[in-house]
Amino acid sequence: MIAFLVPTLSVAQTTKQDSVWLPIKVLLGNWNGKGGGEPGQGIYERSYNLILNKKFIEVRNKSTYPPTDKKPKGEVHDDIGYISYDKARKTFVLRQFHLEGFVNQYRIENISSDGKTIVFISESIENIPPGFKAKETYHFTADVKFTETFELAEPGKDFSVYTKTDFTRKP
């Protein structure tokens, strides 16, 4: 009898941990993107993977911009992030660490009722003048496509688009 219960119990535990991620599970996987904005037009590589016994989602991003008059060598931007679930606040938190030294901490502002739009808004940004805010919006047009809009707001000003990128899930 115990031999029959052990597999059932382990599946129930996995299912409970997996259920935490249901509202944002559509992000999981590897993505390619094209888009740009302030830094120019570029290509993007992004991954969202469960790590540490499915307690966190690790986000890896690489953005590559071709040479321009202002930047003859082009530009490569790398960042790494971690999404956690804050049980006390009952919300997802995204912490990003950027090559340039910025550290952004976001919380989920909104997930649309159909689950197709996810909005993160900054709670803090390190190594930038005080008062700046950031917002990341993911809008899914299919399970294999989403548009990310990254916006910044200077102190006392409204958000403006910094970059907009169309991502497609890698096969």
N, C-alpha and C. Protein backbone atom coordinates (compact mmCIF):
# COMPACT_ATOMS: atom_id res chain seq x y z
N MET A 1 0.81 -1.19 0.00
CA MET A 1 0.00 0.00 0.00
C MET A 1 0.86 1.26 0.00
N ILE A 2 1.91 1.29 0.78
CA ILE A 2 2.80 2.45 0.85
C ILE A 2 3.44 2.70 -0.51
N ALA A 3 3.82 1.64 -1.21
CA ALA A 3 4.44 1.79 -2.53
C ALA A 3 3.52 2.52 -3.50
N PHE A 4 2.22 2.35 -3.36
CA PHE A 4 1.27 3.05 -4.24
C PHE A 4 1.10 4.50 -3.84
N LEU A 5 1.22 4.84 -2.55
CA LEU A 5 1.00 6.20 -2.06
C LEU A 5 2.19 7.12 -2.33
N VAL A 6 3.42 6.62 -2.27
CA VAL A 6 4.61 7.46 -2.42
C VAL A 6 4.61 8.21 -3.75
N PRO A 7 4.37 7.56 -4.90
CA PRO A 7 4.34 8.34 -6.13
C PRO A 7 3.23 9.39 -6.13
N THR A 8 2.09 9.09 -5.55
CA THR A 8 0.99 10.05 -5.51
C THR A 8 1.36 11.26 -4.66
N LEU A 9 2.00 11.04 -3.52
CA LEU A 9 2.40 12.14 -2.65
C LEU A 9 3.44 13.03 -3.31
N SER A 10 4.41 12.44 -4.01
CA SER A 10 5.43 13.25 -4.65
C SER A 10 4.85 14.08 -5.79
N VAL A 11 3.87 13.56 -6.52
CA VAL A 11 3.20 14.32 -7.57
C VAL A 11 2.42 15.48 -6.97
N ALA A 12 1.75 15.24 -5.84
CA ALA A 12 0.98 16.30 -5.18
C ALA A 12 1.90 17.43 -4.73
N GLN A 13 3.09 17.10 -4.20
CA GLN A 13 4.03 18.13 -3.78
C GLN A 13 4.53 18.94 -4.98
N THR A 14 4.86 18.27 -6.05
CA THR A 14 5.32 18.96 -7.25
C THR A 14 4.22 19.87 -7.78
N THR A 15 3.01 19.38 -7.81
CA THR A 15 1.90 20.16 -8.33
C THR A 15 1.68 21.41 -7.50
N LYS A 16 1.78 21.30 -6.16
CA LYS A 16 1.61 22.47 -5.30
C LYS A 16 2.67 23.53 -5.60
N GLN A 17 3.94 23.12 -5.72
CA GLN A 17 5.01 24.08 -6.02
C GLN A 17 4.82 24.66 -7.42
N ASP A 18 4.45 23.82 -8.38
CA ASP A 18 4.24 24.31 -9.74
C ASP A 18 3.09 25.31 -9.80
N SER A 19 2.07 25.13 -8.96
CA SER A 19 0.89 26.00 -9.02
C SER A 19 1.21 27.44 -8.66
N VAL A 20 2.26 27.67 -7.88
CA VAL A 20 2.67 29.04 -7.56
C VAL A 20 2.93 29.83 -8.84
N TRP A 21 3.50 29.15 -9.83
CA TRP A 21 3.95 29.82 -11.05
C TRP A 21 2.86 29.90 -12.14
N LEU A 22 1.69 29.32 -11.91
CA LEU A 22 0.65 29.30 -12.94
C LEU A 22 0.36 30.67 -13.56
N PRO A 23 0.26 31.76 -12.78
CA PRO A 23 -0.08 33.05 -13.39
C PRO A 23 0.97 33.58 -14.37
N ILE A 24 2.23 33.12 -14.23
CA ILE A 24 3.29 33.64 -15.12
C ILE A 24 4.05 32.53 -15.84
N LYS A 25 3.52 31.30 -15.81
CA LYS A 25 4.23 30.16 -16.42
C LYS A 25 4.44 30.34 -17.92
N VAL A 26 3.64 31.18 -18.56
CA VAL A 26 3.77 31.41 -20.00
C VAL A 26 5.15 31.99 -20.35
N LEU A 27 5.82 32.62 -19.37
CA LEU A 27 7.16 33.16 -19.60
C LEU A 27 8.22 32.07 -19.75
N LEU A 28 8.02 30.92 -19.12
CA LEU A 28 9.05 29.89 -19.07
C LEU A 28 9.47 29.44 -20.47
N GLY A 29 10.79 29.31 -20.63
CA GLY A 29 11.34 28.85 -21.89
C GLY A 29 12.40 29.79 -22.42
N ASN A 30 12.78 29.55 -23.67
CA ASN A 30 13.82 30.32 -24.34
C ASN A 30 13.20 31.11 -25.48
N TRP A 31 13.65 32.37 -25.63
CA TRP A 31 13.04 33.30 -26.57
C TRP A 31 14.08 34.04 -27.38
N ASN A 32 13.73 34.38 -28.62
CA ASN A 32 14.50 35.29 -29.47
C ASN A 32 13.66 36.52 -29.71
N GLY A 33 14.32 37.67 -29.81
CA GLY A 33 13.56 38.90 -30.02
C GLY A 33 14.24 39.85 -30.97
N LYS A 34 13.41 40.74 -31.53
CA LYS A 34 13.88 41.84 -32.38
C LYS A 34 13.12 43.08 -31.96
N GLY A 35 13.85 44.18 -31.90
CA GLY A 35 13.19 45.43 -31.53
C GLY A 35 14.21 46.44 -31.10
N GLY A 36 13.75 47.42 -30.38
CA GLY A 36 14.68 48.43 -29.91
C GLY A 36 13.98 49.68 -29.47
N GLY A 37 14.75 50.75 -29.48
CA GLY A 37 14.27 52.05 -29.02
C GLY A 37 15.45 52.97 -28.82
N GLU A 38 15.59 53.51 -27.60
CA GLU A 38 16.66 54.47 -27.30
C GLU A 38 18.06 53.96 -27.67
N PRO A 39 18.40 52.70 -27.37
CA PRO A 39 19.75 52.24 -27.72
C PRO A 39 19.89 51.85 -29.19
N GLY A 40 18.82 51.88 -29.97
CA GLY A 40 18.85 51.47 -31.37
C GLY A 40 18.06 50.19 -31.57
N GLN A 41 18.14 49.66 -32.77
CA GLN A 41 17.47 48.40 -33.10
C GLN A 41 18.44 47.25 -32.82
N GLY A 42 17.92 46.19 -32.20
CA GLY A 42 18.82 45.11 -31.84
C GLY A 42 18.14 43.76 -31.87
N ILE A 43 18.94 42.75 -31.53
CA ILE A 43 18.44 41.39 -31.40
C ILE A 43 18.60 40.97 -29.93
N TYR A 44 17.68 40.13 -29.48
CA TYR A 44 17.61 39.79 -28.07
C TYR A 44 17.55 38.27 -27.91
N GLU A 45 18.16 37.79 -26.84
CA GLU A 45 18.06 36.40 -26.43
C GLU A 45 17.63 36.41 -24.97
N ARG A 46 16.62 35.63 -24.64
CA ARG A 46 16.07 35.66 -23.29
C ARG A 46 15.69 34.25 -22.88
N SER A 47 15.88 33.92 -21.61
CA SER A 47 15.42 32.64 -21.07
C SER A 47 14.82 32.86 -19.68
N TYR A 48 13.80 32.07 -19.39
CA TYR A 48 13.14 32.03 -18.08
C TYR A 48 13.11 30.57 -17.66
N ASN A 49 13.85 30.22 -16.60
CA ASN A 49 13.95 28.83 -16.17
C ASN A 49 13.75 28.69 -14.68
N LEU A 50 12.99 27.67 -14.28
CA LEU A 50 12.83 27.36 -12.86
C LEU A 50 14.15 26.83 -12.32
N ILE A 51 14.52 27.31 -11.12
CA ILE A 51 15.77 26.87 -10.49
C ILE A 51 15.53 26.64 -9.00
N LEU A 52 16.53 26.05 -8.36
CA LEU A 52 16.53 25.82 -6.91
C LEU A 52 15.22 25.20 -6.43
N ASN A 53 14.98 23.99 -6.94
CA ASN A 53 13.80 23.21 -6.56
C ASN A 53 12.50 23.95 -6.87
N LYS A 54 12.49 24.66 -8.00
CA LYS A 54 11.32 25.39 -8.49
C LYS A 54 10.88 26.52 -7.56
N LYS A 55 11.82 27.05 -6.77
CA LYS A 55 11.50 28.14 -5.85
C LYS A 55 11.65 29.51 -6.53
N PHE A 56 12.41 29.57 -7.62
CA PHE A 56 12.68 30.83 -8.30
C PHE A 56 12.66 30.60 -9.81
N ILE A 57 12.45 31.70 -10.53
CA ILE A 57 12.65 31.70 -11.98
C ILE A 57 13.87 32.56 -12.25
N GLU A 58 14.84 31.98 -12.94
CA GLU A 58 16.03 32.73 -13.34
C GLU A 58 15.78 33.30 -14.74
N VAL A 59 16.08 34.58 -14.90
CA VAL A 59 15.90 35.27 -16.18
C VAL A 59 17.27 35.69 -16.68
N ARG A 60 17.62 35.26 -17.88
CA ARG A 60 18.89 35.68 -18.50
C ARG A 60 18.55 36.42 -19.79
N ASN A 61 19.17 37.58 -19.97
CA ASN A 61 18.89 38.42 -21.12
C ASN A 61 20.19 38.92 -21.74
N LYS A 62 20.24 38.89 -23.07
CA LYS A 62 21.35 39.47 -23.81
C LYS A 62 20.75 40.26 -24.97
N SER A 63 21.11 41.55 -25.03
CA SER A 63 20.64 42.43 -26.10
C SER A 63 21.87 42.89 -26.88
N THR A 64 21.84 42.74 -28.20
CA THR A 64 22.97 43.10 -29.03
C THR A 64 22.52 44.14 -30.05
N TYR A 65 23.23 45.27 -30.05
CA TYR A 65 22.91 46.38 -30.96
C TYR A 65 24.08 46.57 -31.92
N PRO A 66 23.81 46.73 -33.22
CA PRO A 66 24.88 46.88 -34.21
C PRO A 66 25.58 48.24 -34.07
N PRO A 67 26.73 48.37 -34.73
CA PRO A 67 27.46 49.64 -34.68
C PRO A 67 26.63 50.82 -35.22
N THR A 68 26.86 51.98 -34.63
CA THR A 68 26.23 53.23 -35.08
C THR A 68 27.31 54.31 -35.08
N ASP A 69 26.95 55.49 -35.54
CA ASP A 69 27.91 56.60 -35.50
C ASP A 69 28.34 56.91 -34.08
N LYS A 70 27.38 56.86 -33.15
CA LYS A 70 27.68 57.16 -31.75
C LYS A 70 28.43 56.02 -31.05
N LYS A 71 28.18 54.79 -31.50
CA LYS A 71 28.82 53.61 -30.89
C LYS A 71 29.35 52.73 -32.02
N PRO A 72 30.54 53.07 -32.54
CA PRO A 72 31.09 52.34 -33.69
C PRO A 72 31.35 50.85 -33.45
N LYS A 73 31.47 50.45 -32.19
CA LYS A 73 31.68 49.03 -31.89
C LYS A 73 30.37 48.31 -31.59
N GLY A 74 29.26 49.05 -31.64
CA GLY A 74 27.98 48.45 -31.27
C GLY A 74 27.86 48.40 -29.76
N GLU A 75 26.90 47.64 -29.30
CA GLU A 75 26.67 47.55 -27.85
C GLU A 75 26.08 46.19 -27.52
N VAL A 76 26.56 45.62 -26.42
CA VAL A 76 25.98 44.38 -25.90
C VAL A 76 25.56 44.65 -24.46
N HIS A 77 24.33 44.34 -24.16
CA HIS A 77 23.80 44.52 -22.81
C HIS A 77 23.43 43.14 -22.26
N ASP A 78 23.92 42.84 -21.08
CA ASP A 78 23.58 41.59 -20.39
C ASP A 78 22.93 41.93 -19.06
N ASP A 79 21.93 41.15 -18.69
CA ASP A 79 21.42 41.23 -17.34
C ASP A 79 20.92 39.86 -16.93
N ILE A 80 20.85 39.67 -15.63
CA ILE A 80 20.34 38.43 -15.06
C ILE A 80 19.32 38.84 -14.00
N GLY A 81 18.28 38.06 -13.88
CA GLY A 81 17.25 38.38 -12.91
C GLY A 81 16.69 37.14 -12.26
N TYR A 82 15.96 37.38 -11.18
CA TYR A 82 15.33 36.29 -10.46
C TYR A 82 13.92 36.72 -10.07
N ILE A 83 12.96 35.86 -10.36
CA ILE A 83 11.59 36.10 -9.95
C ILE A 83 11.31 35.18 -8.77
N SER A 84 10.75 35.76 -7.72
CA SER A 84 10.37 34.98 -6.54
C SER A 84 8.91 35.28 -6.23
N TYR A 85 8.34 34.45 -5.38
CA TYR A 85 6.99 34.71 -4.91
C TYR A 85 7.08 35.11 -3.45
N ASP A 86 6.68 36.34 -3.15
CA ASP A 86 6.70 36.87 -1.80
C ASP A 86 5.38 36.47 -1.13
N LYS A 87 5.45 35.46 -0.26
CA LYS A 87 4.23 34.94 0.38
C LYS A 87 3.57 35.98 1.27
N ALA A 88 4.35 36.79 1.95
CA ALA A 88 3.77 37.79 2.86
C ALA A 88 2.95 38.83 2.10
N ARG A 89 3.47 39.26 0.95
CA ARG A 89 2.76 40.27 0.15
C ARG A 89 1.84 39.65 -0.89
N LYS A 90 1.96 38.33 -1.07
CA LYS A 90 1.17 37.61 -2.07
C LYS A 90 1.35 38.21 -3.47
N THR A 91 2.63 38.36 -3.84
CA THR A 91 2.94 38.91 -5.16
C THR A 91 4.28 38.38 -5.65
N PHE A 92 4.49 38.47 -6.95
CA PHE A 92 5.76 38.10 -7.56
C PHE A 92 6.69 39.30 -7.52
N VAL A 93 7.97 39.04 -7.29
CA VAL A 93 8.98 40.08 -7.25
C VAL A 93 10.08 39.70 -8.24
N LEU A 94 10.48 40.66 -9.07
CA LEU A 94 11.55 40.47 -10.04
C LEU A 94 12.72 41.36 -9.65
N ARG A 95 13.89 40.75 -9.50
CA ARG A 95 15.11 41.50 -9.21
C ARG A 95 16.05 41.30 -10.39
N GLN A 96 16.48 42.42 -10.99
CA GLN A 96 17.37 42.38 -12.15
C GLN A 96 18.73 42.98 -11.78
N PHE A 97 19.79 42.37 -12.29
CA PHE A 97 21.15 42.83 -12.09
C PHE A 97 21.75 43.09 -13.47
N HIS A 98 22.07 44.34 -13.75
CA HIS A 98 22.50 44.76 -15.09
C HIS A 98 24.01 44.95 -15.17
N LEU A 99 24.56 44.66 -16.33
CA LEU A 99 25.97 44.83 -16.62
C LEU A 99 26.46 46.24 -16.25
N GLU A 100 25.61 47.22 -16.44
CA GLU A 100 25.98 48.61 -16.18
C GLU A 100 25.98 48.96 -14.68
N GLY A 101 25.56 48.02 -13.83
CA GLY A 101 25.57 48.23 -12.39
C GLY A 101 24.22 48.56 -11.79
N PHE A 102 23.18 48.68 -12.63
CA PHE A 102 21.85 48.94 -12.10
C PHE A 102 21.27 47.67 -11.47
N VAL A 103 20.54 47.84 -10.40
CA VAL A 103 19.80 46.75 -9.78
C VAL A 103 18.36 47.24 -9.65
N ASN A 104 17.46 46.57 -10.36
CA ASN A 104 16.05 46.95 -10.35
C ASN A 104 15.27 45.91 -9.57
N GLN A 105 14.39 46.38 -8.70
CA GLN A 105 13.46 45.48 -8.03
C GLN A 105 12.05 45.90 -8.41
N TYR A 106 11.31 44.93 -8.99
CA TYR A 106 9.94 45.15 -9.44
C TYR A 106 8.99 44.26 -8.66
N ARG A 107 7.74 44.63 -8.64
CA ARG A 107 6.67 43.75 -8.17
C ARG A 107 5.62 43.71 -9.27
N ILE A 108 4.84 42.64 -9.26
CA ILE A 108 3.74 42.56 -10.24
C ILE A 108 2.74 43.65 -9.91
N GLU A 109 2.45 44.48 -10.87
CA GLU A 109 1.43 45.52 -10.75
C GLU A 109 0.07 44.96 -11.15
N ASN A 110 0.10 44.13 -12.22
CA ASN A 110 -1.16 43.62 -12.74
C ASN A 110 -0.92 42.42 -13.64
N ILE A 111 -1.83 41.46 -13.57
CA ILE A 111 -1.93 40.39 -14.55
C ILE A 111 -3.36 40.46 -15.05
N SER A 112 -3.53 40.61 -16.37
CA SER A 112 -4.88 40.75 -16.92
C SER A 112 -5.70 39.48 -16.64
N SER A 113 -7.01 39.61 -16.65
CA SER A 113 -7.88 38.48 -16.33
C SER A 113 -7.71 37.33 -17.31
N ASP A 114 -7.31 37.63 -18.56
CA ASP A 114 -7.08 36.56 -19.53
C ASP A 114 -5.65 36.02 -19.47
N GLY A 115 -4.80 36.61 -18.60
CA GLY A 115 -3.43 36.16 -18.44
C GLY A 115 -2.49 36.57 -19.55
N LYS A 116 -2.95 37.38 -20.49
CA LYS A 116 -2.13 37.74 -21.65
C LYS A 116 -1.25 38.97 -21.44
N THR A 117 -1.51 39.73 -20.38
CA THR A 117 -0.70 40.91 -20.11
C THR A 117 -0.22 40.87 -18.67
N ILE A 118 1.11 41.00 -18.50
CA ILE A 118 1.75 40.99 -17.19
C ILE A 118 2.51 42.30 -17.07
N VAL A 119 2.29 43.03 -15.97
CA VAL A 119 2.95 44.32 -15.77
C VAL A 119 3.74 44.28 -14.46
N PHE A 120 5.04 44.56 -14.57
CA PHE A 120 5.91 44.72 -13.42
C PHE A 120 6.22 46.21 -13.28
N ILE A 121 6.19 46.74 -12.06
CA ILE A 121 6.55 48.14 -11.82
C ILE A 121 7.64 48.19 -10.75
N SER A 122 8.58 49.10 -10.92
CA SER A 122 9.73 49.13 -10.02
C SER A 122 9.34 49.59 -8.63
N GLU A 123 10.01 48.98 -7.66
CA GLU A 123 9.91 49.41 -6.26
C GLU A 123 11.17 50.18 -5.88
N SER A 124 12.28 49.80 -6.52
CA SER A 124 13.54 50.49 -6.26
C SER A 124 14.49 50.26 -7.43
N ILE A 125 15.37 51.22 -7.64
CA ILE A 125 16.42 51.09 -8.66
C ILE A 125 17.71 51.62 -8.03
N GLU A 126 18.71 50.76 -7.96
CA GLU A 126 20.00 51.15 -7.40
C GLU A 126 20.89 51.73 -8.50
N ASN A 127 21.77 52.67 -8.09
CA ASN A 127 22.81 53.23 -8.95
C ASN A 127 22.26 54.08 -10.09
N ILE A 128 21.20 54.81 -9.79
CA ILE A 128 20.59 55.76 -10.71
C ILE A 128 20.08 56.90 -9.81
N PRO A 129 19.97 58.11 -10.33
CA PRO A 129 19.48 59.20 -9.47
C PRO A 129 18.13 58.87 -8.84
N PRO A 130 17.90 59.34 -7.62
CA PRO A 130 16.64 59.06 -6.92
C PRO A 130 15.42 59.53 -7.72
N GLY A 131 14.33 58.78 -7.57
CA GLY A 131 13.07 59.19 -8.17
C GLY A 131 12.76 58.56 -9.51
N PHE A 132 13.72 57.88 -10.14
CA PHE A 132 13.45 57.20 -11.40
C PHE A 132 12.55 56.00 -11.13
N LYS A 133 11.67 55.70 -12.09
CA LYS A 133 10.81 54.52 -12.03
C LYS A 133 10.95 53.75 -13.34
N ALA A 134 10.66 52.46 -13.28
CA ALA A 134 10.70 51.61 -14.48
C ALA A 134 9.47 50.72 -14.49
N LYS A 135 9.07 50.35 -15.70
CA LYS A 135 7.92 49.46 -15.87
C LYS A 135 8.21 48.51 -17.02
N GLU A 136 7.90 47.23 -16.81
CA GLU A 136 8.01 46.23 -17.86
C GLU A 136 6.64 45.62 -18.08
N THR A 137 6.20 45.66 -19.33
CA THR A 137 4.90 45.09 -19.69
C THR A 137 5.11 44.00 -20.73
N TYR A 138 4.57 42.82 -20.45
CA TYR A 138 4.64 41.70 -21.38
C TYR A 138 3.22 41.46 -21.88
N HIS A 139 3.05 41.54 -23.19
CA HIS A 139 1.73 41.27 -23.78
C HIS A 139 1.85 40.09 -24.73
N PHE A 140 1.17 39.00 -24.39
CA PHE A 140 1.22 37.77 -25.18
C PHE A 140 0.13 37.79 -26.24
N THR A 141 0.54 37.55 -27.49
CA THR A 141 -0.41 37.43 -28.59
C THR A 141 -0.66 35.97 -28.92
N ALA A 142 0.18 35.09 -28.37
CA ALA A 142 0.06 33.64 -28.50
C ALA A 142 0.97 33.03 -27.45
N ASP A 143 0.90 31.72 -27.24
CA ASP A 143 1.80 31.08 -26.28
C ASP A 143 3.25 31.17 -26.74
N VAL A 144 3.46 31.45 -28.01
CA VAL A 144 4.81 31.47 -28.57
C VAL A 144 5.28 32.88 -28.96
N LYS A 145 4.48 33.92 -28.64
CA LYS A 145 4.85 35.29 -29.00
C LYS A 145 4.41 36.27 -27.93
N PHE A 146 5.33 37.22 -27.62
CA PHE A 146 4.95 38.31 -26.74
C PHE A 146 5.73 39.56 -27.10
N THR A 147 5.17 40.70 -26.75
CA THR A 147 5.85 41.98 -26.92
C THR A 147 6.18 42.51 -25.54
N GLU A 148 7.44 42.87 -25.36
CA GLU A 148 7.86 43.49 -24.10
C GLU A 148 8.04 44.98 -24.35
N THR A 149 7.40 45.78 -23.51
CA THR A 149 7.59 47.23 -23.53
C THR A 149 8.26 47.62 -22.23
N PHE A 150 9.46 48.20 -22.35
CA PHE A 150 10.20 48.66 -21.18
C PHE A 150 10.12 50.18 -21.16
N GLU A 151 9.61 50.72 -20.06
CA GLU A 151 9.42 52.17 -19.94
C GLU A 151 10.18 52.71 -18.73
N LEU A 152 10.65 53.95 -18.87
CA LEU A 152 11.30 54.66 -17.77
C LEU A 152 10.57 55.96 -17.51
N ALA A 153 10.62 56.41 -16.27
CA ALA A 153 10.07 57.71 -15.90
C ALA A 153 11.11 58.44 -15.06
N GLU A 154 11.49 59.63 -15.53
CA GLU A 154 12.38 60.47 -14.73
C GLU A 154 11.58 61.01 -13.55
N PRO A 155 12.27 61.48 -12.52
CA PRO A 155 11.56 62.01 -11.35
C PRO A 155 10.51 63.06 -11.75
N GLY A 156 9.28 62.84 -11.28
CA GLY A 156 8.19 63.78 -11.54
C GLY A 156 7.61 63.75 -12.93
N LYS A 157 8.05 62.80 -13.76
CA LYS A 157 7.55 62.72 -15.14
C LYS A 157 6.82 61.41 -15.37
N ASP A 158 6.07 61.35 -16.48
CA ASP A 158 5.34 60.15 -16.86
C ASP A 158 6.29 59.14 -17.52
N PHE A 159 5.84 57.89 -17.58
CA PHE A 159 6.60 56.86 -18.26
C PHE A 159 6.70 57.16 -19.75
N SER A 160 7.86 56.83 -20.33
CA SER A 160 8.01 56.88 -21.78
C SER A 160 8.74 55.61 -22.21
N VAL A 161 8.43 55.15 -23.41
CA VAL A 161 8.99 53.89 -23.90
C VAL A 161 10.49 54.05 -24.13
N TYR A 162 11.26 53.13 -23.56
CA TYR A 162 12.71 53.08 -23.77
C TYR A 162 13.02 52.04 -24.85
N THR A 163 12.42 50.85 -24.72
CA THR A 163 12.56 49.83 -25.75
C THR A 163 11.24 49.07 -25.89
N LYS A 164 11.04 48.53 -27.08
CA LYS A 164 9.89 47.66 -27.37
C LYS A 164 10.40 46.53 -28.23
N THR A 165 10.15 45.30 -27.78
CA THR A 165 10.74 44.13 -28.43
C THR A 165 9.68 43.05 -28.62
N ASP A 166 9.70 42.43 -29.79
CA ASP A 166 8.82 41.30 -30.11
C ASP A 166 9.62 40.02 -29.93
N PHE A 167 9.14 39.14 -29.07
CA PHE A 167 9.80 37.86 -28.79
C PHE A 167 9.02 36.70 -29.35
N THR A 168 9.76 35.68 -29.81
CA THR A 168 9.18 34.43 -30.27
C THR A 168 9.87 33.29 -29.53
N ARG A 169 9.06 32.35 -29.05
CA ARG A 169 9.62 31.20 -28.33
C ARG A 169 10.48 30.36 -29.27
N LYS A 170 11.66 29.95 -28.79
CA LYS A 170 12.51 29.05 -29.56
C LYS A 170 11.86 27.67 -29.58
N PRO A 171 11.97 26.98 -30.73
CA PRO A 171 11.39 25.62 -30.79
C PRO A 171 12.13 24.64 -29.89
